[in-house]
């Protein structure tokens, strides 16, 4: 077996373990996300809530919830360190199985684009932390 393939496999397994552990921790914290008696979600803050609703939530939560939210976002940095390299390594593992140059290049492109996605996610977390 190709030594590079083995390295991508090890990276994938390590990334999957980090992903699973941090996902469990973040899911455990979500039950405490409450603002004015109403639950809110991280996905809502990151994707679906309007800017006004985000400002309302972040300005209306108490210190306990702010602390939990900061912990959650800190765990999200570790989560990212599992997800994006994991996706990239999975692309490289699958790339090794193909013979077609086009597919190999496409999978390599997807793997490389994970760095851009990771950078955008880091920026998003920094904005939420501020």
N, C-alpha and C. Protein backbone atom coordinates (compact mmCIF):
# COMPACT_ATOMS: atom_id res chain seq x y z
N UNK A 1 0.84 -1.18 0.00
CA UNK A 1 0.00 0.00 0.00
C UNK A 1 0.89 1.25 0.00
N UNK A 2 0.46 2.25 -0.72
CA UNK A 2 1.18 3.51 -0.85
C UNK A 2 1.35 4.19 0.52
N UNK A 3 2.58 4.59 0.88
CA UNK A 3 2.80 5.24 2.18
C UNK A 3 2.00 6.54 2.35
N UNK A 4 1.81 7.28 1.26
CA UNK A 4 1.01 8.52 1.33
C UNK A 4 -0.44 8.19 1.67
N UNK A 5 -0.93 7.10 1.11
CA UNK A 5 -2.31 6.65 1.38
C UNK A 5 -2.47 6.36 2.87
N UNK A 6 -1.49 5.68 3.45
CA UNK A 6 -1.52 5.34 4.88
C UNK A 6 -1.54 6.62 5.73
N UNK A 7 -0.78 7.62 5.33
CA UNK A 7 -0.74 8.88 6.08
C UNK A 7 -2.08 9.59 6.02
N UNK A 8 -2.72 9.59 4.84
CA UNK A 8 -4.03 10.20 4.72
C UNK A 8 -5.05 9.44 5.57
N UNK A 9 -4.91 8.13 5.61
CA UNK A 9 -5.82 7.31 6.42
C UNK A 9 -5.67 7.65 7.91
N UNK A 10 -4.44 7.76 8.37
CA UNK A 10 -4.19 8.11 9.78
C UNK A 10 -4.73 9.49 10.10
N UNK A 11 -4.52 10.45 9.19
CA UNK A 11 -5.05 11.79 9.40
C UNK A 11 -6.57 11.76 9.47
N UNK A 12 -7.20 10.97 8.58
CA UNK A 12 -8.65 10.86 8.60
C UNK A 12 -9.15 10.30 9.93
N UNK A 13 -8.53 9.24 10.42
CA UNK A 13 -8.96 8.64 11.68
C UNK A 13 -8.77 9.59 12.86
N UNK A 14 -7.63 10.29 12.88
CA UNK A 14 -7.39 11.28 13.94
C UNK A 14 -8.43 12.40 13.86
N UNK A 15 -8.68 12.89 12.66
CA UNK A 15 -9.66 13.96 12.46
C UNK A 15 -11.06 13.52 12.87
N UNK A 16 -11.41 12.29 12.51
CA UNK A 16 -12.73 11.78 12.87
C UNK A 16 -12.89 11.70 14.39
N UNK A 17 -11.85 11.26 15.08
CA UNK A 17 -11.91 11.20 16.54
C UNK A 17 -12.07 12.57 17.16
N UNK A 18 -11.32 13.56 16.66
CA UNK A 18 -11.43 14.92 17.16
C UNK A 18 -12.82 15.49 16.86
N UNK A 19 -13.30 15.25 15.65
CA UNK A 19 -14.64 15.68 15.25
C UNK A 19 -15.70 15.10 16.17
N UNK A 20 -15.66 13.79 16.40
CA UNK A 20 -16.69 13.12 17.21
C UNK A 20 -16.66 13.62 18.66
N UNK A 21 -15.47 13.74 19.23
CA UNK A 21 -15.36 14.20 20.61
C UNK A 21 -15.85 15.62 20.80
N UNK A 22 -15.46 16.51 19.92
CA UNK A 22 -15.88 17.90 20.07
C UNK A 22 -17.36 18.08 19.73
N UNK A 23 -17.86 17.32 18.77
CA UNK A 23 -19.29 17.39 18.43
C UNK A 23 -20.13 16.98 19.64
N UNK A 24 -19.70 15.93 20.33
CA UNK A 24 -20.42 15.49 21.53
C UNK A 24 -20.43 16.60 22.59
N UNK A 25 -19.28 17.20 22.83
CA UNK A 25 -19.19 18.27 23.83
C UNK A 25 -20.06 19.47 23.47
N UNK A 26 -20.04 19.85 22.20
CA UNK A 26 -20.83 21.01 21.77
C UNK A 26 -22.33 20.71 21.85
N UNK A 27 -22.72 19.51 21.50
CA UNK A 27 -24.14 19.14 21.58
C UNK A 27 -24.62 19.16 23.03
N UNK A 28 -23.76 18.77 23.94
CA UNK A 28 -24.07 18.74 25.36
C UNK A 28 -24.33 20.16 25.88
N UNK A 29 -23.61 21.14 25.35
CA UNK A 29 -23.75 22.53 25.80
C UNK A 29 -25.00 23.22 25.24
N UNK A 30 -25.53 22.74 24.14
CA UNK A 30 -26.62 23.44 23.44
C UNK A 30 -27.88 23.60 24.27
N UNK A 31 -28.13 22.73 25.19
CA UNK A 31 -29.37 22.82 25.99
C UNK A 31 -29.41 24.08 26.84
N UNK A 32 -28.26 24.70 27.08
CA UNK A 32 -28.19 25.90 27.91
C UNK A 32 -28.29 27.20 27.12
N UNK A 33 -28.48 27.12 25.81
CA UNK A 33 -28.59 28.33 24.99
C UNK A 33 -30.02 28.86 25.05
N UNK A 34 -30.26 29.76 26.00
CA UNK A 34 -31.60 30.32 26.20
C UNK A 34 -31.48 31.83 26.34
N UNK A 35 -32.34 32.55 25.63
CA UNK A 35 -32.40 34.00 25.71
C UNK A 35 -33.86 34.39 25.87
N UNK A 36 -34.18 35.09 26.95
CA UNK A 36 -35.56 35.49 27.27
C UNK A 36 -36.53 34.29 27.26
N UNK A 37 -36.08 33.18 27.81
CA UNK A 37 -36.92 31.99 27.91
C UNK A 37 -37.04 31.19 26.63
N UNK A 38 -36.43 31.65 25.55
CA UNK A 38 -36.51 30.97 24.26
C UNK A 38 -35.15 30.37 23.89
N UNK A 39 -35.15 29.12 23.45
CA UNK A 39 -33.87 28.52 23.04
C UNK A 39 -33.41 29.11 21.71
N UNK A 40 -32.10 29.14 21.53
CA UNK A 40 -31.52 29.52 20.24
C UNK A 40 -30.44 28.51 19.90
N UNK A 41 -30.04 28.49 18.65
CA UNK A 41 -29.07 27.50 18.20
C UNK A 41 -27.84 28.17 17.60
N UNK A 42 -26.75 27.46 17.63
CA UNK A 42 -25.52 27.94 17.00
C UNK A 42 -25.71 28.00 15.49
N UNK A 43 -26.36 27.00 14.92
CA UNK A 43 -26.60 27.00 13.48
C UNK A 43 -27.40 28.24 13.10
N UNK A 44 -28.37 28.59 13.93
CA UNK A 44 -29.14 29.81 13.67
C UNK A 44 -28.26 31.04 13.69
N UNK A 45 -27.37 31.12 14.68
CA UNK A 45 -26.46 32.27 14.76
C UNK A 45 -25.54 32.32 13.55
N UNK A 46 -25.07 31.16 13.11
CA UNK A 46 -24.10 31.11 12.02
C UNK A 46 -24.73 31.23 10.64
N UNK A 47 -25.97 30.75 10.48
CA UNK A 47 -26.52 30.66 9.13
C UNK A 47 -27.87 31.35 8.95
N UNK A 48 -28.87 30.98 9.76
CA UNK A 48 -30.23 31.34 9.39
C UNK A 48 -30.82 32.58 10.06
N UNK A 49 -30.33 33.00 11.23
CA UNK A 49 -30.93 34.15 11.88
C UNK A 49 -30.55 35.44 11.17
N UNK A 50 -31.49 36.40 11.19
CA UNK A 50 -31.20 37.72 10.63
C UNK A 50 -30.20 38.45 11.52
N UNK A 51 -29.60 39.48 10.97
CA UNK A 51 -28.62 40.26 11.73
C UNK A 51 -29.27 40.87 12.98
N UNK A 52 -30.51 41.33 12.85
CA UNK A 52 -31.23 41.92 13.98
C UNK A 52 -31.46 40.89 15.09
N UNK A 53 -31.82 39.68 14.69
CA UNK A 53 -32.07 38.64 15.68
C UNK A 53 -30.77 38.25 16.39
N UNK A 54 -29.67 38.19 15.65
CA UNK A 54 -28.37 37.86 16.26
C UNK A 54 -27.99 38.92 17.28
N UNK A 55 -28.15 40.18 16.90
CA UNK A 55 -27.84 41.28 17.83
C UNK A 55 -28.74 41.20 19.05
N UNK A 56 -30.01 40.91 18.85
CA UNK A 56 -30.96 40.78 19.96
C UNK A 56 -30.57 39.66 20.90
N UNK A 57 -30.22 38.52 20.34
CA UNK A 57 -29.83 37.37 21.17
C UNK A 57 -28.55 37.67 21.94
N UNK A 58 -27.52 38.14 21.22
CA UNK A 58 -26.23 38.36 21.86
C UNK A 58 -26.26 39.48 22.89
N UNK A 59 -27.14 40.45 22.72
CA UNK A 59 -27.23 41.53 23.70
C UNK A 59 -28.16 41.18 24.86
N UNK A 60 -29.00 40.16 24.68
CA UNK A 60 -29.98 39.83 25.71
C UNK A 60 -29.63 38.64 26.60
N UNK A 61 -28.55 37.92 26.30
CA UNK A 61 -28.23 36.74 27.11
C UNK A 61 -27.47 37.14 28.37
N UNK A 62 -27.65 36.35 29.41
CA UNK A 62 -26.96 36.64 30.67
C UNK A 62 -25.53 36.11 30.63
N UNK A 63 -24.77 36.42 31.68
CA UNK A 63 -23.34 36.07 31.71
C UNK A 63 -23.11 34.55 31.66
N UNK A 64 -23.99 33.78 32.32
CA UNK A 64 -23.83 32.32 32.32
C UNK A 64 -23.92 31.78 30.88
N UNK A 65 -24.91 32.24 30.14
CA UNK A 65 -25.10 31.78 28.76
C UNK A 65 -23.96 32.29 27.88
N UNK A 66 -23.50 33.54 28.11
CA UNK A 66 -22.36 34.06 27.35
C UNK A 66 -21.12 33.20 27.56
N UNK A 67 -20.90 32.79 28.80
CA UNK A 67 -19.74 31.94 29.10
C UNK A 67 -19.86 30.60 28.38
N UNK A 68 -21.03 29.99 28.42
CA UNK A 68 -21.24 28.71 27.73
C UNK A 68 -21.09 28.89 26.22
N UNK A 69 -21.58 30.00 25.70
CA UNK A 69 -21.45 30.28 24.27
C UNK A 69 -19.97 30.43 23.89
N UNK A 70 -19.20 31.10 24.73
CA UNK A 70 -17.75 31.23 24.46
C UNK A 70 -17.07 29.86 24.48
N UNK A 71 -17.45 29.02 25.46
CA UNK A 71 -16.89 27.66 25.50
C UNK A 71 -17.24 26.91 24.23
N UNK A 72 -18.51 27.03 23.82
CA UNK A 72 -18.97 26.33 22.63
C UNK A 72 -18.18 26.77 21.40
N UNK A 73 -18.01 28.08 21.26
CA UNK A 73 -17.26 28.58 20.11
C UNK A 73 -15.79 28.18 20.18
N UNK A 74 -15.25 28.07 21.39
CA UNK A 74 -13.87 27.60 21.54
C UNK A 74 -13.76 26.14 21.13
N UNK A 75 -14.74 25.33 21.52
CA UNK A 75 -14.76 23.93 21.08
C UNK A 75 -14.92 23.85 19.57
N UNK A 76 -15.61 24.84 18.99
CA UNK A 76 -15.82 24.83 17.55
C UNK A 76 -14.49 24.97 16.80
N UNK A 77 -13.52 25.69 17.38
CA UNK A 77 -12.20 25.77 16.75
C UNK A 77 -11.56 24.38 16.69
N UNK A 78 -11.71 23.60 17.76
CA UNK A 78 -11.19 22.23 17.75
C UNK A 78 -11.98 21.35 16.78
N UNK A 79 -13.29 21.55 16.75
CA UNK A 79 -14.16 20.83 15.83
C UNK A 79 -13.70 21.04 14.39
N UNK A 80 -13.40 22.31 14.07
CA UNK A 80 -12.92 22.64 12.72
C UNK A 80 -11.61 21.90 12.40
N UNK A 81 -10.76 21.79 13.42
CA UNK A 81 -9.47 21.10 13.23
C UNK A 81 -9.67 19.62 12.94
N UNK A 82 -10.84 19.10 13.23
CA UNK A 82 -11.17 17.73 12.88
C UNK A 82 -11.89 17.63 11.55
N UNK A 83 -12.82 18.55 11.32
CA UNK A 83 -13.67 18.45 10.13
C UNK A 83 -12.92 18.73 8.84
N UNK A 84 -12.28 19.88 8.74
CA UNK A 84 -11.69 20.27 7.46
C UNK A 84 -10.52 19.38 7.04
N UNK A 85 -9.57 19.07 7.92
CA UNK A 85 -8.54 18.10 7.51
C UNK A 85 -9.13 16.72 7.23
N UNK A 86 -10.21 16.36 7.96
CA UNK A 86 -10.86 15.07 7.72
C UNK A 86 -11.47 14.99 6.33
N UNK A 87 -12.14 16.06 5.91
CA UNK A 87 -12.72 16.10 4.57
C UNK A 87 -11.61 16.06 3.52
N UNK A 88 -10.55 16.85 3.76
CA UNK A 88 -9.43 16.87 2.81
C UNK A 88 -8.78 15.49 2.70
N UNK A 89 -8.56 14.84 3.84
CA UNK A 89 -7.93 13.52 3.80
C UNK A 89 -8.84 12.49 3.13
N UNK A 90 -10.15 12.60 3.35
CA UNK A 90 -11.09 11.70 2.69
C UNK A 90 -11.03 11.91 1.16
N UNK A 91 -10.96 13.16 0.73
CA UNK A 91 -10.81 13.43 -0.71
C UNK A 91 -9.55 12.79 -1.26
N UNK A 92 -8.46 12.89 -0.50
CA UNK A 92 -7.19 12.33 -0.97
C UNK A 92 -7.21 10.80 -0.96
N UNK A 93 -7.89 10.20 0.00
CA UNK A 93 -8.02 8.74 0.03
C UNK A 93 -8.81 8.26 -1.19
N UNK A 94 -9.93 8.92 -1.45
CA UNK A 94 -10.76 8.54 -2.60
C UNK A 94 -10.01 8.83 -3.90
N UNK A 95 -9.27 9.93 -3.93
CA UNK A 95 -8.48 10.30 -5.12
C UNK A 95 -7.53 9.17 -5.51
N UNK A 96 -6.97 8.52 -4.51
CA UNK A 96 -6.02 7.44 -4.75
C UNK A 96 -6.68 6.23 -5.42
N UNK A 97 -7.99 6.12 -5.32
CA UNK A 97 -8.72 4.97 -5.89
C UNK A 97 -9.06 5.16 -7.37
N UNK A 98 -8.99 6.41 -7.85
CA UNK A 98 -9.38 6.69 -9.23
C UNK A 98 -8.18 6.71 -10.16
N UNK A 99 -8.42 6.40 -11.42
CA UNK A 99 -7.39 6.45 -12.45
C UNK A 99 -7.58 7.68 -13.35
N UNK A 100 -8.81 8.15 -13.44
CA UNK A 100 -9.13 9.27 -14.32
C UNK A 100 -8.50 10.56 -13.82
N UNK A 101 -7.75 11.20 -14.69
CA UNK A 101 -7.05 12.43 -14.32
C UNK A 101 -8.02 13.53 -13.89
N UNK A 102 -9.15 13.66 -14.60
CA UNK A 102 -10.14 14.69 -14.28
C UNK A 102 -10.68 14.51 -12.85
N UNK A 103 -11.05 13.31 -12.50
CA UNK A 103 -11.59 13.04 -11.16
C UNK A 103 -10.51 13.27 -10.10
N UNK A 104 -9.30 12.83 -10.38
CA UNK A 104 -8.20 13.04 -9.44
C UNK A 104 -7.97 14.54 -9.19
N UNK A 105 -7.98 15.32 -10.26
CA UNK A 105 -7.80 16.76 -10.12
C UNK A 105 -8.97 17.42 -9.38
N UNK A 106 -10.16 16.95 -9.65
CA UNK A 106 -11.35 17.48 -8.96
C UNK A 106 -11.27 17.20 -7.46
N UNK A 107 -10.91 16.00 -7.09
CA UNK A 107 -10.80 15.65 -5.67
C UNK A 107 -9.66 16.42 -5.00
N UNK A 108 -8.57 16.62 -5.72
CA UNK A 108 -7.48 17.43 -5.18
C UNK A 108 -7.94 18.87 -4.95
N UNK A 109 -8.71 19.39 -5.89
CA UNK A 109 -9.25 20.75 -5.75
C UNK A 109 -10.15 20.84 -4.52
N UNK A 110 -11.03 19.86 -4.35
CA UNK A 110 -11.90 19.85 -3.17
C UNK A 110 -11.08 19.79 -1.88
N UNK A 111 -10.03 19.00 -1.89
CA UNK A 111 -9.17 18.89 -0.70
C UNK A 111 -8.50 20.23 -0.39
N UNK A 112 -7.97 20.87 -1.40
CA UNK A 112 -7.29 22.16 -1.21
C UNK A 112 -8.28 23.24 -0.77
N UNK A 113 -9.50 23.21 -1.31
CA UNK A 113 -10.50 24.21 -0.96
C UNK A 113 -10.93 24.13 0.52
N UNK A 114 -10.61 23.03 1.17
CA UNK A 114 -10.94 22.92 2.60
C UNK A 114 -10.20 23.98 3.41
N UNK A 115 -9.04 24.40 2.95
CA UNK A 115 -8.31 25.45 3.69
C UNK A 115 -9.08 26.77 3.63
N UNK A 116 -9.68 27.09 2.50
CA UNK A 116 -10.49 28.31 2.37
C UNK A 116 -11.73 28.22 3.25
N UNK A 117 -12.39 27.06 3.23
CA UNK A 117 -13.57 26.87 4.06
C UNK A 117 -13.22 26.99 5.54
N UNK A 118 -12.10 26.42 5.92
CA UNK A 118 -11.63 26.49 7.31
C UNK A 118 -11.36 27.95 7.69
N UNK A 119 -10.71 28.68 6.82
CA UNK A 119 -10.43 30.09 7.08
C UNK A 119 -11.71 30.90 7.26
N UNK A 120 -12.70 30.65 6.42
CA UNK A 120 -13.99 31.36 6.55
C UNK A 120 -14.68 31.01 7.86
N UNK A 121 -14.61 29.76 8.26
CA UNK A 121 -15.23 29.33 9.51
C UNK A 121 -14.52 29.96 10.72
N UNK A 122 -13.20 30.07 10.64
CA UNK A 122 -12.45 30.72 11.71
C UNK A 122 -12.86 32.19 11.82
N UNK A 123 -12.96 32.87 10.69
CA UNK A 123 -13.38 34.28 10.68
C UNK A 123 -14.78 34.43 11.29
N UNK A 124 -15.67 33.54 10.92
CA UNK A 124 -17.05 33.58 11.43
C UNK A 124 -17.04 33.42 12.97
N UNK A 125 -16.27 32.48 13.48
CA UNK A 125 -16.20 32.29 14.94
C UNK A 125 -15.62 33.51 15.64
N UNK A 126 -14.60 34.09 15.05
CA UNK A 126 -14.00 35.29 15.65
C UNK A 126 -15.02 36.41 15.72
N UNK A 127 -15.79 36.57 14.65
CA UNK A 127 -16.85 37.61 14.66
C UNK A 127 -17.89 37.33 15.75
N UNK A 128 -18.28 36.08 15.89
CA UNK A 128 -19.26 35.74 16.93
C UNK A 128 -18.69 35.93 18.33
N UNK A 129 -17.41 35.63 18.51
CA UNK A 129 -16.80 35.82 19.82
C UNK A 129 -16.69 37.30 20.20
N UNK A 130 -16.57 38.16 19.20
CA UNK A 130 -16.48 39.59 19.49
C UNK A 130 -17.85 40.16 19.72
